[in-house]
């Protein structure tokens, strides 16, 4: 193997260059020589192993850490340990991060957070963000977080120390404009809203979610960021500022009409970001508003990092859009969304920034949320798209996101395939594009066979169902939305994938400390997906024969009991009731049909 190696090497991530040398490898007691090498790229290293011993060159502390990881893997493999070999390696992206949503009901326990850190370290990711709206225990704001089992300052300091010991920066992440509904639902904060009486989107009325862009609200949001950032050592923060649905449609409407919505947005962004920049922070923010208002992209100051996010792969998005009903397209247009741009992937989403030569980061997703068991085919396409476009434009960071939209019903293991694959292609796309993900999961995450096959099989079900949707799966919609029409062939294919996942789980033997919990959590996710598939095959709850509805209702009640038990294996109790409540419409519909025979 010279140059780009094959993806079936027992090394993770697969290095960019692995070259066999003539002769045997070193004896177990052979010397190891280590020296810095300023000619390597940042975080880079090389390893040479032959009969004379092992020699390591490294650029910096991170390079030395990653060299040691690779050396451990070389020594652990019987074939590679006997062979003389040369490895050269460095990352495509300087920052390779993971963002975990802790604000959509599921707040992880310390044990779960430790597990994520261990996986990130093994995957060579060097940044972690916990996306926060209301789930940090802010002083003087207990009414907002009292029922959420929030992360405390002590939790954050503990996690920061753990991350630092593993070469990971823990970055404070607090939204500061949109997605503030958990705050604005309380009377004490309602007057901060752009539209205190709420707004309508996707044909449904919602409570207020966006702060009015005033200096007072910017100071309020800045105070939250500073309080959270004070618990960690990183000099980088994420202030969110994404999806301000009501901006310019309520109290700021006259200002937006006079000066333009983009300028109103930018003013609020800078009111929050500028003091942080002056304090020496780098400031990340989500760049979705820039896509619609490219005129402000060239006015961003240095140190302000636009993070371009996109969660559907271009090909997947195109097929989903082509199958979208005229009614839904009309609703998107009424809400002001240009959904067709999604088919352009990261290239289209970043156009406002690339047009003015502005550096940016990319943020793809695990495809886990709104899915029950993942949307793995879409996630792989999305993660590769981000790596290709980000590398082409020398993006400084690649952040794999996993959100918790609509109740965060999926457990941590469902996030692991997308997380691990994103880590691999952000390290080196060329050598990891065709990674054997099931094997990598078993080796790197679970330390034993079975779960990798189960998660990858289950994650394929959404695609096999052949009912592509944007940012969610038909399995999810079967439980929580308006399920699309599906074909018998699609149901059969998805059913086979879920059965394969169940079979793999029955034979899984993970040796990782959380292995038994991961098996149980994954089994519950697969059981929910199989229940959703049965609902799809029945055409949904409406019109079900009473006996069939009664049977499904009984199954659902058992699944909800197990969902509660599995939740508490990895998450805190706050938010559990809110998450389970998302099943209420489905349960009510089934109960009504079951009672109709009387």
Protein backbone atom coordinates (compact mmCIF):
# COMPACT_ATOMS: atom_id res chain seq x y z
CA UNK A 1 0.00 0.00 0.00
CA UNK A 2 1.53 3.29 -1.10
CA UNK A 3 -0.24 6.62 -0.86
CA UNK A 4 -3.95 6.40 -0.09
CA UNK A 5 -4.50 3.08 1.75
CA UNK A 6 -7.42 0.70 1.50
CA UNK A 7 -10.28 1.41 3.92
CA UNK A 8 -10.20 -2.06 5.50
CA UNK A 9 -7.01 -1.39 7.45
CA UNK A 10 -7.48 -2.02 11.19
CA UNK A 11 -6.63 1.64 11.85
CA UNK A 12 -9.06 4.45 12.68
CA UNK A 13 -9.23 6.90 11.19
CA UNK A 14 -7.49 5.38 8.18
CA UNK A 15 -4.25 7.39 7.70
CA UNK A 16 -3.64 9.26 4.46
CA UNK A 17 -0.52 7.22 3.73
CA UNK A 18 0.48 3.73 4.90
CA UNK A 19 3.50 2.20 3.15
CA UNK A 20 4.90 -1.29 3.82
CA UNK A 21 8.69 -1.43 4.06
CA UNK A 22 11.04 -4.31 3.37
CA UNK A 23 11.83 -6.53 6.33
CA UNK A 24 10.20 -7.29 9.65
CA UNK A 25 8.80 -4.91 12.21
CA UNK A 26 10.46 -4.16 15.55
CA UNK A 27 10.78 -6.55 18.45
CA UNK A 28 8.42 -5.80 21.36
CA UNK A 29 11.35 -4.40 23.39
CA UNK A 30 12.85 -2.37 20.52
CA UNK A 31 13.52 1.33 21.22
CA UNK A 32 11.14 4.15 20.31
CA UNK A 33 12.66 7.49 19.27
CA UNK A 34 10.50 10.60 19.18
CA UNK A 35 11.37 14.00 17.74
CA UNK A 36 9.55 17.14 16.60
CA UNK A 37 9.33 17.81 12.87
CA UNK A 38 8.52 21.39 11.88
CA UNK A 39 8.02 20.40 8.25
CA UNK A 40 4.81 18.53 9.02
CA UNK A 41 1.39 20.21 8.76
CA UNK A 42 -0.35 21.15 12.01
CA UNK A 43 -1.40 18.08 14.05
CA UNK A 44 0.63 15.89 11.69
CA UNK A 45 2.93 12.99 12.41
CA UNK A 46 4.88 10.20 10.80
CA UNK A 47 5.84 6.75 12.10
CA UNK A 48 8.54 4.40 10.80
CA UNK A 49 8.80 0.89 12.22
CA UNK A 50 11.42 -1.66 11.19
CA UNK A 51 13.83 -4.12 12.75
CA UNK A 52 15.81 -1.29 14.34
CA UNK A 53 12.84 0.05 16.28
CA UNK A 54 10.19 2.75 15.99
CA UNK A 55 10.78 6.38 15.06
CA UNK A 56 8.12 9.06 15.39
CA UNK A 57 8.08 12.61 14.08
CA UNK A 58 5.39 15.05 15.14
CA UNK A 59 4.52 18.68 14.50
CA UNK A 60 2.91 19.60 17.83
CA UNK A 61 1.33 18.13 20.96
CA UNK A 62 -1.76 17.04 19.03
CA UNK A 63 0.40 15.34 16.40
CA UNK A 64 2.23 13.43 19.11
CA UNK A 65 -1.09 12.36 20.66
CA UNK A 66 -2.38 11.07 17.32
CA UNK A 67 0.93 9.34 16.56
CA UNK A 68 0.64 7.46 19.86
CA UNK A 69 -2.91 6.41 18.97
CA UNK A 70 -1.76 5.02 15.63
CA UNK A 71 1.23 3.30 17.21
CA UNK A 72 -1.07 1.60 19.71
CA UNK A 73 -3.24 0.35 16.84
CA UNK A 74 -0.22 -0.89 14.88
CA UNK A 75 1.03 -2.81 17.90
CA UNK A 76 -2.43 -4.26 18.60
CA UNK A 77 -2.78 -5.84 15.15
CA UNK A 78 -0.82 -9.06 14.81
CA UNK A 79 -0.08 -8.65 11.10
CA UNK A 80 0.89 -4.97 11.22
CA UNK A 81 2.99 -5.48 14.35
CA UNK A 82 5.21 -7.96 12.48
CA UNK A 83 5.64 -5.78 9.42
CA UNK A 84 7.96 -2.85 8.76
CA UNK A 85 5.79 0.12 7.86
CA UNK A 86 5.81 3.88 7.32
CA UNK A 87 2.77 6.05 8.15
CA UNK A 88 2.33 9.73 7.30
CA UNK A 89 -0.78 11.53 8.46
CA UNK A 90 -2.42 14.89 9.24
CA UNK A 91 -5.99 16.21 9.20
CA UNK A 92 -7.94 17.86 6.40
CA UNK A 93 -9.63 20.23 8.89
CA UNK A 94 -7.85 21.90 11.83
CA UNK A 95 -11.00 21.82 14.01
CA UNK A 96 -13.07 18.64 13.95
CA UNK A 97 -15.97 19.10 16.30
CA UNK A 98 -19.14 17.52 17.59
CA UNK A 99 -22.22 19.43 18.70
CA UNK A 100 -24.75 17.64 20.90
CA UNK A 101 -28.20 19.16 21.41
CA UNK A 102 -28.98 19.12 25.13
CA UNK A 103 -31.99 21.46 24.94
CA UNK A 104 -34.64 19.31 23.28
CA UNK A 105 -35.63 17.41 26.43
CA UNK A 106 -32.68 14.96 26.60
CA UNK A 107 -29.98 16.23 28.97
CA UNK A 108 -27.21 13.60 29.24
CA UNK A 109 -25.88 12.23 32.50
CA UNK A 110 -22.22 12.68 33.39
CA UNK A 111 -21.62 9.04 32.49
CA UNK A 112 -23.04 9.66 29.02
CA UNK A 113 -20.97 12.80 28.59
CA UNK A 114 -17.85 10.87 29.59
CA UNK A 115 -18.69 8.24 26.99
CA UNK A 116 -19.04 10.86 24.28
CA UNK A 117 -15.66 12.34 25.23
CA UNK A 118 -14.01 8.93 25.04
CA UNK A 119 -15.47 8.34 21.58
CA UNK A 120 -14.45 11.81 20.38
CA UNK A 121 -10.90 11.26 21.59
CA UNK A 122 -10.67 7.89 19.86
CA UNK A 123 -12.04 9.50 16.69
CA UNK A 124 -9.54 12.41 16.85
CA UNK A 125 -12.16 15.09 17.23
CA UNK A 126 -10.86 18.11 19.08
CA UNK A 127 -13.92 20.22 19.90
CA UNK A 128 -17.19 19.56 21.74
CA UNK A 129 -20.20 21.86 22.00
CA UNK A 130 -23.35 21.26 24.01
CA UNK A 131 -26.12 23.21 22.30
CA UNK A 132 -27.96 25.15 24.99
CA UNK A 133 -31.19 27.05 25.02
CA UNK A 134 -32.56 26.66 28.56
CA UNK A 135 -30.73 23.65 30.03
CA UNK A 136 -27.87 25.36 31.85
CA UNK A 137 -28.54 26.40 35.44
CA UNK A 138 -28.15 30.14 34.93
CA UNK A 139 -28.09 32.19 38.11
CA UNK A 140 -31.28 34.19 38.67
CA UNK A 141 -33.14 32.30 35.93
CA UNK A 142 -34.28 29.15 37.74
CA UNK A 143 -37.86 29.48 36.49
CA UNK A 144 -36.63 28.60 33.00
CA UNK A 145 -34.58 25.51 33.84
CA UNK A 146 -36.12 24.23 37.08
CA UNK A 147 -37.83 21.21 35.51
CA UNK A 148 -35.10 20.43 32.96
CA UNK A 149 -32.44 18.65 35.09
CA UNK A 150 -29.99 21.23 33.71
CA UNK A 151 -26.24 21.12 33.44
CA UNK A 152 -24.69 23.07 36.29
CA UNK A 153 -21.53 25.12 36.47
CA UNK A 154 -19.92 22.20 38.31
CA UNK A 155 -20.98 19.84 35.50
CA UNK A 156 -19.38 22.13 32.92
CA UNK A 157 -16.14 22.52 34.89
CA UNK A 158 -15.95 18.75 35.35
CA UNK A 159 -16.59 18.17 31.64
CA UNK A 160 -14.09 20.85 30.65
CA UNK A 161 -11.35 19.15 32.67
CA UNK A 162 -12.24 15.78 31.16
CA UNK A 163 -12.14 17.22 27.65
CA UNK A 164 -8.83 18.95 28.24
CA UNK A 165 -7.28 15.67 29.41
CA UNK A 166 -8.31 14.14 26.06
CA UNK A 167 -7.10 17.00 23.85
CA UNK A 168 -10.61 18.37 23.26
CA UNK A 169 -11.78 21.98 23.62
CA UNK A 170 -15.18 22.36 25.30
CA UNK A 171 -16.84 25.35 23.64
CA UNK A 172 -19.72 27.20 25.28
CA UNK A 173 -22.79 27.23 23.02
CA UNK A 174 -25.84 29.38 23.86
CA UNK A 175 -28.44 30.61 21.41
CA UNK A 176 -28.98 34.37 21.47
CA UNK A 177 -31.78 35.25 19.02
CA UNK A 178 -34.01 32.47 17.68
CA UNK A 179 -34.99 29.24 19.44
CA UNK A 180 -35.61 31.05 22.72
CA UNK A 181 -39.14 29.65 23.12
CA UNK A 182 -38.38 27.96 26.44
CA UNK A 183 -37.52 31.39 27.84
CA UNK A 184 -40.28 33.37 26.16
CA UNK A 185 -42.93 30.91 27.36
CA UNK A 186 -42.50 32.41 30.83
CA UNK A 187 -44.30 35.64 31.64
CA UNK A 188 -41.15 37.20 33.11
CA UNK A 189 -39.44 36.99 29.70
CA UNK A 190 -42.40 37.31 27.32
CA UNK A 191 -41.89 41.02 26.72
CA UNK A 192 -38.47 40.29 25.22
CA UNK A 193 -40.15 38.54 22.27
CA UNK A 194 -40.33 39.88 18.74
CA UNK A 195 -43.93 38.61 18.64
CA UNK A 196 -45.16 37.99 22.21
CA UNK A 197 -48.38 36.38 20.99
CA UNK A 198 -46.51 33.86 18.85
CA UNK A 199 -46.48 33.20 15.12
CA UNK A 200 -47.65 30.77 12.46
CA UNK A 201 -45.29 28.54 10.49
CA UNK A 202 -45.94 25.37 8.45
CA UNK A 203 -49.62 26.13 8.93
CA UNK A 204 -49.43 25.85 12.73
CA UNK A 205 -49.39 28.45 15.46
CA UNK A 206 -46.41 28.46 17.80
CA UNK A 207 -45.48 30.40 20.87
CA UNK A 208 -42.86 33.15 20.57
CA UNK A 209 -39.34 31.94 19.82
CA UNK A 210 -37.29 34.98 18.71
CA UNK A 211 -35.94 37.83 20.79
CA UNK A 212 -36.73 41.34 19.65
CA UNK A 213 -33.40 42.70 18.29
CA UNK A 214 -32.90 45.47 20.85
CA UNK A 215 -29.75 46.56 22.70
CA UNK A 216 -31.36 45.41 25.95
CA UNK A 217 -32.01 41.92 24.61
CA UNK A 218 -28.50 41.72 23.16
CA UNK A 219 -27.12 42.58 26.61
CA UNK A 220 -29.37 39.92 28.14
CA UNK A 221 -28.18 37.28 25.66
CA UNK A 222 -24.56 38.35 26.06
CA UNK A 223 -24.86 37.85 29.81
CA UNK A 224 -26.00 34.27 29.28
CA UNK A 225 -23.08 33.53 26.97
CA UNK A 226 -20.57 35.03 29.39
CA UNK A 227 -21.95 33.10 32.35
CA UNK A 228 -21.72 29.81 30.46
CA UNK A 229 -18.32 30.60 28.94
CA UNK A 230 -16.90 31.34 32.38
CA UNK A 231 -17.20 27.62 33.24
CA UNK A 232 -14.79 26.47 30.50
CA UNK A 233 -11.28 27.41 29.40
CA UNK A 234 -11.78 27.62 25.61
CA UNK A 235 -11.54 31.10 24.09
CA UNK A 236 -14.16 30.26 21.51
CA UNK A 237 -17.95 30.42 21.86
CA UNK A 238 -20.99 29.69 19.69
CA UNK A 239 -23.79 32.26 19.90
CA UNK A 240 -26.19 30.46 17.55
CA UNK A 241 -28.45 33.18 16.11
CA UNK A 242 -30.09 30.76 13.68
CA UNK A 243 -33.68 30.51 12.44
CA UNK A 244 -35.11 33.76 13.87
CA UNK A 245 -38.51 32.94 12.36
CA UNK A 246 -40.33 36.07 13.54
CA UNK A 247 -37.54 38.59 12.91
CA UNK A 248 -38.84 41.59 10.98
CA UNK A 249 -42.44 40.40 11.29
CA UNK A 250 -43.30 41.85 14.69
CA UNK A 251 -41.83 44.67 16.73
CA UNK A 252 -38.87 45.10 14.37
CA UNK A 253 -41.05 45.16 11.23
CA UNK A 254 -40.76 48.92 10.65
CA UNK A 255 -37.01 48.88 11.15
CA UNK A 256 -36.64 45.92 8.78
CA UNK A 257 -38.77 47.66 6.16
CA UNK A 258 -36.67 50.80 6.42
CA UNK A 259 -33.16 49.33 6.58
CA UNK A 260 -33.53 45.74 5.36
CA UNK A 261 -33.90 42.55 7.37
CA UNK A 262 -30.27 41.60 6.81
CA UNK A 263 -29.03 44.77 8.47
CA UNK A 264 -31.40 44.35 11.43
CA UNK A 265 -30.06 40.81 11.89
CA UNK A 266 -26.44 41.90 11.57
CA UNK A 267 -26.86 44.66 14.14
CA UNK A 268 -28.14 42.20 16.73
CA UNK A 269 -25.43 39.70 15.88
CA UNK A 270 -22.71 42.33 16.35
CA UNK A 271 -24.22 43.63 19.59
CA UNK A 272 -23.71 40.17 21.05
CA UNK A 273 -20.49 39.22 19.26
CA UNK A 274 -18.42 42.42 19.42
CA UNK A 275 -17.93 42.47 23.21
CA UNK A 276 -16.88 38.83 23.06
CA UNK A 277 -14.44 39.54 20.23
CA UNK A 278 -13.03 42.42 22.29
CA UNK A 279 -12.57 39.99 25.19
CA UNK A 280 -10.41 37.80 22.95
CA UNK A 281 -12.95 35.14 21.97
CA UNK A 282 -13.50 33.65 18.57
CA UNK A 283 -17.25 33.67 17.99
CA UNK A 284 -19.08 31.04 15.95
CA UNK A 285 -22.61 31.61 14.68
CA UNK A 286 -24.95 29.69 12.37
CA UNK A 287 -24.85 31.12 8.86
CA UNK A 288 -28.36 30.30 7.60
CA UNK A 289 -29.54 33.93 7.55
CA UNK A 290 -26.57 34.87 5.36
CA UNK A 291 -27.84 32.55 2.64
CA UNK A 292 -30.92 34.76 2.27
CA UNK A 293 -29.10 38.05 2.88
CA UNK A 294 -25.73 37.81 1.11
CA UNK A 295 -25.34 41.59 1.27
CA UNK A 296 -24.17 41.34 4.89
CA UNK A 297 -21.63 38.54 4.36
CA UNK A 298 -18.83 40.97 3.52
CA UNK A 299 -19.42 43.04 6.64
CA UNK A 300 -18.50 40.40 9.21
CA UNK A 301 -15.50 41.32 11.38
CA UNK A 302 -12.46 39.10 11.85
CA UNK A 303 -12.90 36.50 14.56
CA UNK A 304 -16.59 36.02 13.77
CA UNK A 305 -16.91 32.51 12.30
CA UNK A 306 -19.91 31.72 10.08
CA UNK A 307 -20.84 28.04 10.40
CA UNK A 308 -22.71 26.82 7.32
CA UNK A 309 -25.12 24.03 8.18
CA UNK A 310 -26.99 21.61 5.95
CA UNK A 311 -28.45 18.24 6.96
CA UNK A 312 -29.67 16.62 3.75
CA UNK A 313 -27.35 15.29 1.07
CA UNK A 314 -27.84 16.98 -2.32
CA UNK A 315 -29.08 13.87 -4.14
CA UNK A 316 -31.41 12.94 -1.29
CA UNK A 317 -32.78 16.48 -1.16
CA UNK A 318 -33.41 16.52 -4.90
CA UNK A 319 -35.42 13.29 -4.81
CA UNK A 320 -37.38 14.44 -1.74
CA UNK A 321 -38.18 17.78 -3.38
CA UNK A 322 -39.23 16.12 -6.63
CA UNK A 323 -41.77 14.03 -4.70
CA UNK A 324 -43.11 16.89 -2.59
CA UNK A 325 -46.80 17.63 -2.97
CA UNK A 326 -47.95 20.95 -4.47
CA UNK A 327 -49.70 21.74 -1.18
CA UNK A 328 -46.50 21.47 0.81
CA UNK A 329 -44.59 23.51 -1.76
CA UNK A 330 -47.24 26.20 -1.49
CA UNK A 331 -46.85 26.19 2.29
CA UNK A 332 -43.08 26.58 2.01
CA UNK A 333 -43.52 29.50 -0.35
CA UNK A 334 -46.02 31.12 2.02
CA UNK A 335 -43.51 30.77 4.85
CA UNK A 336 -40.76 32.30 2.71
CA UNK A 337 -38.56 29.21 2.31
CA UNK A 338 -36.51 28.51 -0.82
CA UNK A 339 -36.32 24.76 -0.32
CA UNK A 340 -34.95 24.04 -3.79
CA UNK A 341 -31.63 25.52 -2.67
CA UNK A 342 -31.16 22.44 -0.47
CA UNK A 343 -30.45 20.35 -3.57
CA UNK A 344 -27.28 22.42 -4.02
CA UNK A 345 -25.86 21.12 -0.74
CA UNK A 346 -23.07 22.96 1.02
CA UNK A 347 -21.90 24.62 -2.17
CA UNK A 348 -25.20 26.46 -2.50
CA UNK A 349 -25.57 27.15 1.22
CA UNK A 350 -22.11 28.74 1.37
CA UNK A 351 -22.49 30.81 -1.81
CA UNK A 352 -22.97 34.12 0.03
CA UNK A 353 -19.62 33.56 1.80
CA UNK A 354 -17.63 32.11 -1.09
CA UNK A 355 -18.73 35.01 -3.31
CA UNK A 356 -16.94 37.49 -1.03
CA UNK A 357 -14.05 35.18 -0.10
CA UNK A 358 -15.13 34.95 3.53
CA UNK A 359 -13.77 31.95 5.50
CA UNK A 360 -16.36 29.67 7.05
CA UNK A 361 -16.86 26.33 8.78
CA UNK A 362 -19.16 23.50 7.75
CA UNK A 363 -21.68 21.65 9.93
CA UNK A 364 -23.29 18.47 8.57
CA UNK A 365 -25.40 16.13 10.71
CA UNK A 366 -25.57 12.59 12.00
CA UNK A 367 -29.06 12.17 10.49
CA UNK A 368 -30.19 10.72 13.82
CA UNK A 369 -32.91 13.17 14.84
CA UNK A 370 -36.49 12.91 13.56
CA UNK A 371 -35.66 9.35 12.51
CA UNK A 372 -35.91 6.86 15.45
CA UNK A 373 -33.00 4.76 14.07
CA UNK A 374 -31.11 7.19 11.83
CA UNK A 375 -31.04 8.12 8.16
CA UNK A 376 -27.61 6.73 7.49
CA UNK A 377 -27.52 6.83 3.69
CA UNK A 378 -28.46 10.49 3.75
CA UNK A 379 -26.04 11.20 6.58
CA UNK A 380 -23.10 9.69 4.68
CA UNK A 381 -23.89 11.80 1.61
CA UNK A 382 -24.31 14.92 3.75
CA UNK A 383 -21.07 14.32 5.68
CA UNK A 384 -19.08 13.75 2.47
CA UNK A 385 -20.62 16.83 0.84
CA UNK A 386 -19.51 18.94 3.80
CA UNK A 387 -15.99 17.50 3.65
CA UNK A 388 -15.67 18.08 -0.10
CA UNK A 389 -16.93 21.66 -0.08
CA UNK A 390 -15.21 22.55 3.16
CA UNK A 391 -11.87 21.20 1.98
CA UNK A 392 -12.23 22.97 -1.37
CA UNK A 393 -12.65 26.31 0.41
CA UNK A 394 -10.11 25.64 3.19
CA UNK A 395 -12.76 25.70 5.91
CA UNK A 396 -11.18 26.01 9.32
CA UNK A 397 -13.65 23.68 11.01
CA UNK A 398 -15.98 20.76 10.45
CA UNK A 399 -18.62 20.28 13.15
CA UNK A 400 -20.78 17.15 13.16
CA UNK A 401 -24.14 18.04 14.70
CA UNK A 402 -26.79 15.90 16.29
CA UNK A 403 -30.04 17.63 17.17
CA UNK A 404 -33.02 16.58 19.25
CA UNK A 405 -35.93 18.04 17.34
CA UNK A 406 -39.42 17.05 18.51
CA UNK A 407 -38.42 15.19 21.64
CA UNK A 408 -34.99 13.65 21.05
CA UNK A 409 -36.42 10.13 21.12
CA UNK A 410 -33.33 8.47 19.66
CA UNK A 411 -30.71 7.27 22.20
CA UNK A 412 -26.98 8.05 21.99
CA UNK A 413 -26.01 4.89 20.02
CA UNK A 414 -28.13 6.05 17.07
CA UNK A 415 -25.87 9.11 16.83
CA UNK A 416 -22.65 7.07 16.80
CA UNK A 417 -22.58 5.95 13.12
CA UNK A 418 -22.86 9.50 11.78
CA UNK A 419 -20.50 10.81 14.44
CA UNK A 420 -17.82 8.23 13.68
CA UNK A 421 -18.11 8.56 9.91
CA UNK A 422 -18.00 12.36 10.16
CA UNK A 423 -14.91 12.15 12.33
CA UNK A 424 -13.22 9.92 9.76
CA UNK A 425 -13.95 12.01 6.66
CA UNK A 426 -13.08 15.25 8.45
CA UNK A 427 -9.71 13.75 9.35
CA UNK A 428 -8.94 12.55 5.81
CA UNK A 429 -11.72 12.28 3.25
CA UNK A 430 -9.63 10.48 0.63
CA UNK A 431 -8.69 7.53 2.83
CA UNK A 432 -11.96 7.22 4.79
CA UNK A 433 -14.68 7.81 2.20
CA UNK A 434 -15.28 4.05 1.83
CA UNK A 435 -14.88 3.22 5.51
CA UNK A 436 -16.42 -0.05 6.71
CA UNK A 437 -18.57 1.72 9.27
CA UNK A 438 -20.04 -1.32 11.01
CA UNK A 439 -16.56 -2.73 11.66
CA UNK A 440 -15.24 0.65 12.78
CA UNK A 441 -18.11 1.03 15.26
CA UNK A 442 -17.45 -2.39 16.77
CA UNK A 443 -13.72 -1.74 17.01
CA UNK A 444 -13.60 1.91 18.11
CA UNK A 445 -16.82 2.40 20.07
CA UNK A 446 -18.15 -0.92 21.34
CA UNK A 447 -15.06 -3.12 21.68
CA UNK A 448 -16.92 -6.16 20.44
CA UNK A 449 -19.11 -7.41 17.58
CA UNK A 450 -22.76 -6.91 16.74
CA UNK A 451 -23.83 -3.38 17.51
CA UNK A 452 -22.08 -1.93 14.47
CA UNK A 453 -24.06 -4.21 12.16
CA UNK A 454 -27.28 -3.50 14.05
CA UNK A 455 -26.92 0.28 13.86
CA UNK A 456 -25.91 0.36 10.20
CA UNK A 457 -28.72 -2.02 9.22
CA UNK A 458 -31.32 -0.03 11.16
CA UNK A 459 -29.93 3.21 9.78
CA UNK A 460 -30.55 1.99 6.23
CA UNK A 461 -34.28 1.40 6.78
CA UNK A 462 -35.34 4.97 6.05
CA UNK A 463 -33.69 4.92 2.64
CA UNK A 464 -34.97 1.42 1.81
CA UNK A 465 -38.50 2.57 2.58
CA UNK A 466 -38.17 4.76 -0.51
CA UNK A 467 -40.17 7.67 0.93
CA UNK A 468 -37.53 10.42 1.10
CA UNK A 469 -38.29 13.44 3.26
CA UNK A 470 -36.27 16.48 4.26
CA UNK A 471 -34.68 16.46 7.72
CA UNK A 472 -36.72 13.48 8.91
CA UNK A 473 -37.80 9.97 7.99
CA UNK A 474 -41.16 8.45 7.13
CA UNK A 475 -40.75 6.17 10.16
CA UNK A 476 -40.68 9.22 12.38
CA UNK A 477 -43.64 10.81 10.63
CA UNK A 478 -45.65 7.62 11.09
CA UNK A 479 -45.57 8.32 14.84
CA UNK A 480 -45.51 12.09 15.01
CA UNK A 481 -46.68 13.59 11.72
CA UNK A 482 -48.54 13.01 8.51
CA UNK A 483 -47.01 9.80 7.22
CA UNK A 484 -46.39 9.70 3.48
CA UNK A 485 -47.66 6.97 1.22
CA UNK A 486 -45.31 4.02 0.96
CA UNK A 487 -45.24 0.99 -1.29
CA UNK A 488 -45.43 -2.65 -0.20
CA UNK A 489 -41.96 -3.18 -1.64
CA UNK A 490 -40.58 -0.30 0.42
CA UNK A 491 -42.18 -1.65 3.58
CA UNK A 492 -40.76 -5.10 2.88
CA UNK A 493 -37.24 -3.78 2.27
CA UNK A 494 -37.28 -1.62 5.40
CA UNK A 495 -38.71 -4.53 7.38
CA UNK A 496 -35.85 -6.77 6.32
CA UNK A 497 -33.32 -4.15 7.42
CA UNK A 498 -34.95 -3.78 10.83
CA UNK A 499 -35.12 -7.57 11.21
CA UNK A 500 -31.41 -7.78 10.38
CA UNK A 501 -30.75 -5.14 13.03
CA UNK A 502 -32.74 -7.12 15.60
CA UNK A 503 -30.85 -10.31 14.70
CA UNK A 504 -27.50 -8.55 15.05
CA UNK A 505 -28.55 -7.20 18.44
CA UNK A 506 -29.43 -10.69 19.63
CA UNK A 507 -25.82 -11.74 18.99
CA UNK A 508 -24.10 -8.49 20.01
CA UNK A 509 -21.25 -8.86 22.47
CA UNK A 510 -19.90 -5.35 23.20
CA UNK A 511 -17.21 -5.19 25.87
CA UNK A 512 -17.41 -1.40 26.28
CA UNK A 513 -18.55 -0.27 29.74
CA UNK A 514 -21.89 0.94 28.37
CA UNK A 515 -22.31 -2.08 26.09
CA UNK A 516 -25.37 -3.63 27.77
CA UNK A 517 -27.09 -0.24 27.97
CA UNK A 518 -26.29 0.46 24.32
CA UNK A 519 -27.79 -2.88 23.29
CA UNK A 520 -30.98 -2.18 25.23
CA UNK A 521 -31.28 1.38 23.93
CA UNK A 522 -30.72 0.28 20.35
CA UNK A 523 -33.22 -2.56 20.70
CA UNK A 524 -35.81 -0.03 21.89
CA UNK A 525 -35.11 2.27 18.95
CA UNK A 526 -35.49 -0.66 16.54
CA UNK A 527 -38.73 -1.73 18.25
CA UNK A 528 -40.15 1.79 17.84
CA UNK A 529 -39.15 1.76 14.17
CA UNK A 530 -40.82 -1.61 13.61
CA UNK A 531 -43.96 -0.29 15.27
CA UNK A 532 -43.85 2.75 12.97
CA UNK A 533 -43.43 0.44 9.98
CA UNK A 534 -46.52 -1.51 11.02
CA UNK A 535 -48.45 1.76 11.24
CA UNK A 536 -47.32 2.70 7.76
CA UNK A 537 -48.35 -0.71 6.44
CA UNK A 538 -51.79 -0.19 8.03
CA UNK A 539 -52.20 3.24 6.48
CA UNK A 540 -52.00 5.07 9.81
CA UNK A 541 -54.40 5.03 12.77
CA UNK A 542 -57.37 6.50 10.91
CA UNK A 543 -59.62 3.77 9.64
CA UNK A 544 -57.95 0.91 11.50
CA UNK A 545 -60.25 -1.94 12.54
CA UNK A 546 -60.92 -1.62 16.29
CA UNK A 547 -59.21 -4.90 17.13
CA UNK A 548 -56.09 -3.89 15.20
CA UNK A 549 -56.08 -0.47 16.88
CA UNK A 550 -56.39 -2.10 20.29
CA UNK A 551 -53.44 -4.37 19.52
CA UNK A 552 -51.30 -1.42 18.42
CA UNK A 553 -52.34 0.60 21.46
CA UNK A 554 -51.26 -2.22 23.75
CA UNK A 555 -47.91 -2.44 21.94
CA UNK A 556 -47.44 1.32 22.14
CA UNK A 557 -48.02 1.40 25.88
CA UNK A 558 -45.35 -1.25 26.35
CA UNK A 559 -42.97 0.68 24.11
CA UNK A 560 -43.54 3.88 26.06
CA UNK A 561 -42.77 2.12 29.34
CA UNK A 562 -39.52 0.82 27.88
CA UNK A 563 -38.77 4.25 26.37
CA UNK A 564 -38.91 5.74 29.86
CA UNK A 565 -36.61 3.07 31.25
CA UNK A 566 -34.11 3.43 28.40
CA UNK A 567 -34.12 7.22 28.65
CA UNK A 568 -32.88 7.03 32.23
CA UNK A 569 -29.96 4.81 31.23
CA UNK A 570 -28.23 7.78 29.61
CA UNK A 571 -30.23 10.96 30.27
CA UNK A 572 -31.49 12.95 33.23
CA UNK A 573 -35.18 12.81 34.15
CA UNK A 574 -35.96 16.44 33.28
CA UNK A 575 -37.56 16.59 29.85
CA UNK A 576 -38.65 12.94 29.86
CA UNK A 577 -42.32 13.73 30.38
CA UNK A 578 -42.21 16.39 27.65
CA UNK A 579 -40.62 13.93 25.24
CA UNK A 580 -43.13 11.15 26.01
CA UNK A 581 -45.97 13.64 25.62
CA UNK A 582 -45.14 13.86 21.92
CA UNK A 583 -46.75 10.41 21.58
CA UNK A 584 -50.08 11.64 22.97
CA UNK A 585 -51.81 12.41 19.64
CA UNK A 586 -50.94 8.98 18.28
CA UNK A 587 -52.03 7.22 21.45
CA UNK A 588 -55.30 9.16 21.51
CA UNK A 589 -56.01 8.28 17.89
CA UNK A 590 -55.41 4.60 18.54
CA UNK A 591 -57.52 4.66 21.70
CA UNK A 592 -60.37 6.31 19.83
CA UNK A 593 -60.27 3.69 17.08
CA UNK A 594 -60.02 0.85 19.61
CA UNK A 595 -63.11 2.17 21.42
CA UNK A 596 -65.13 2.61 18.24
CA UNK A 597 -66.39 -0.99 18.35
CA UNK A 598 -68.32 -0.35 21.54
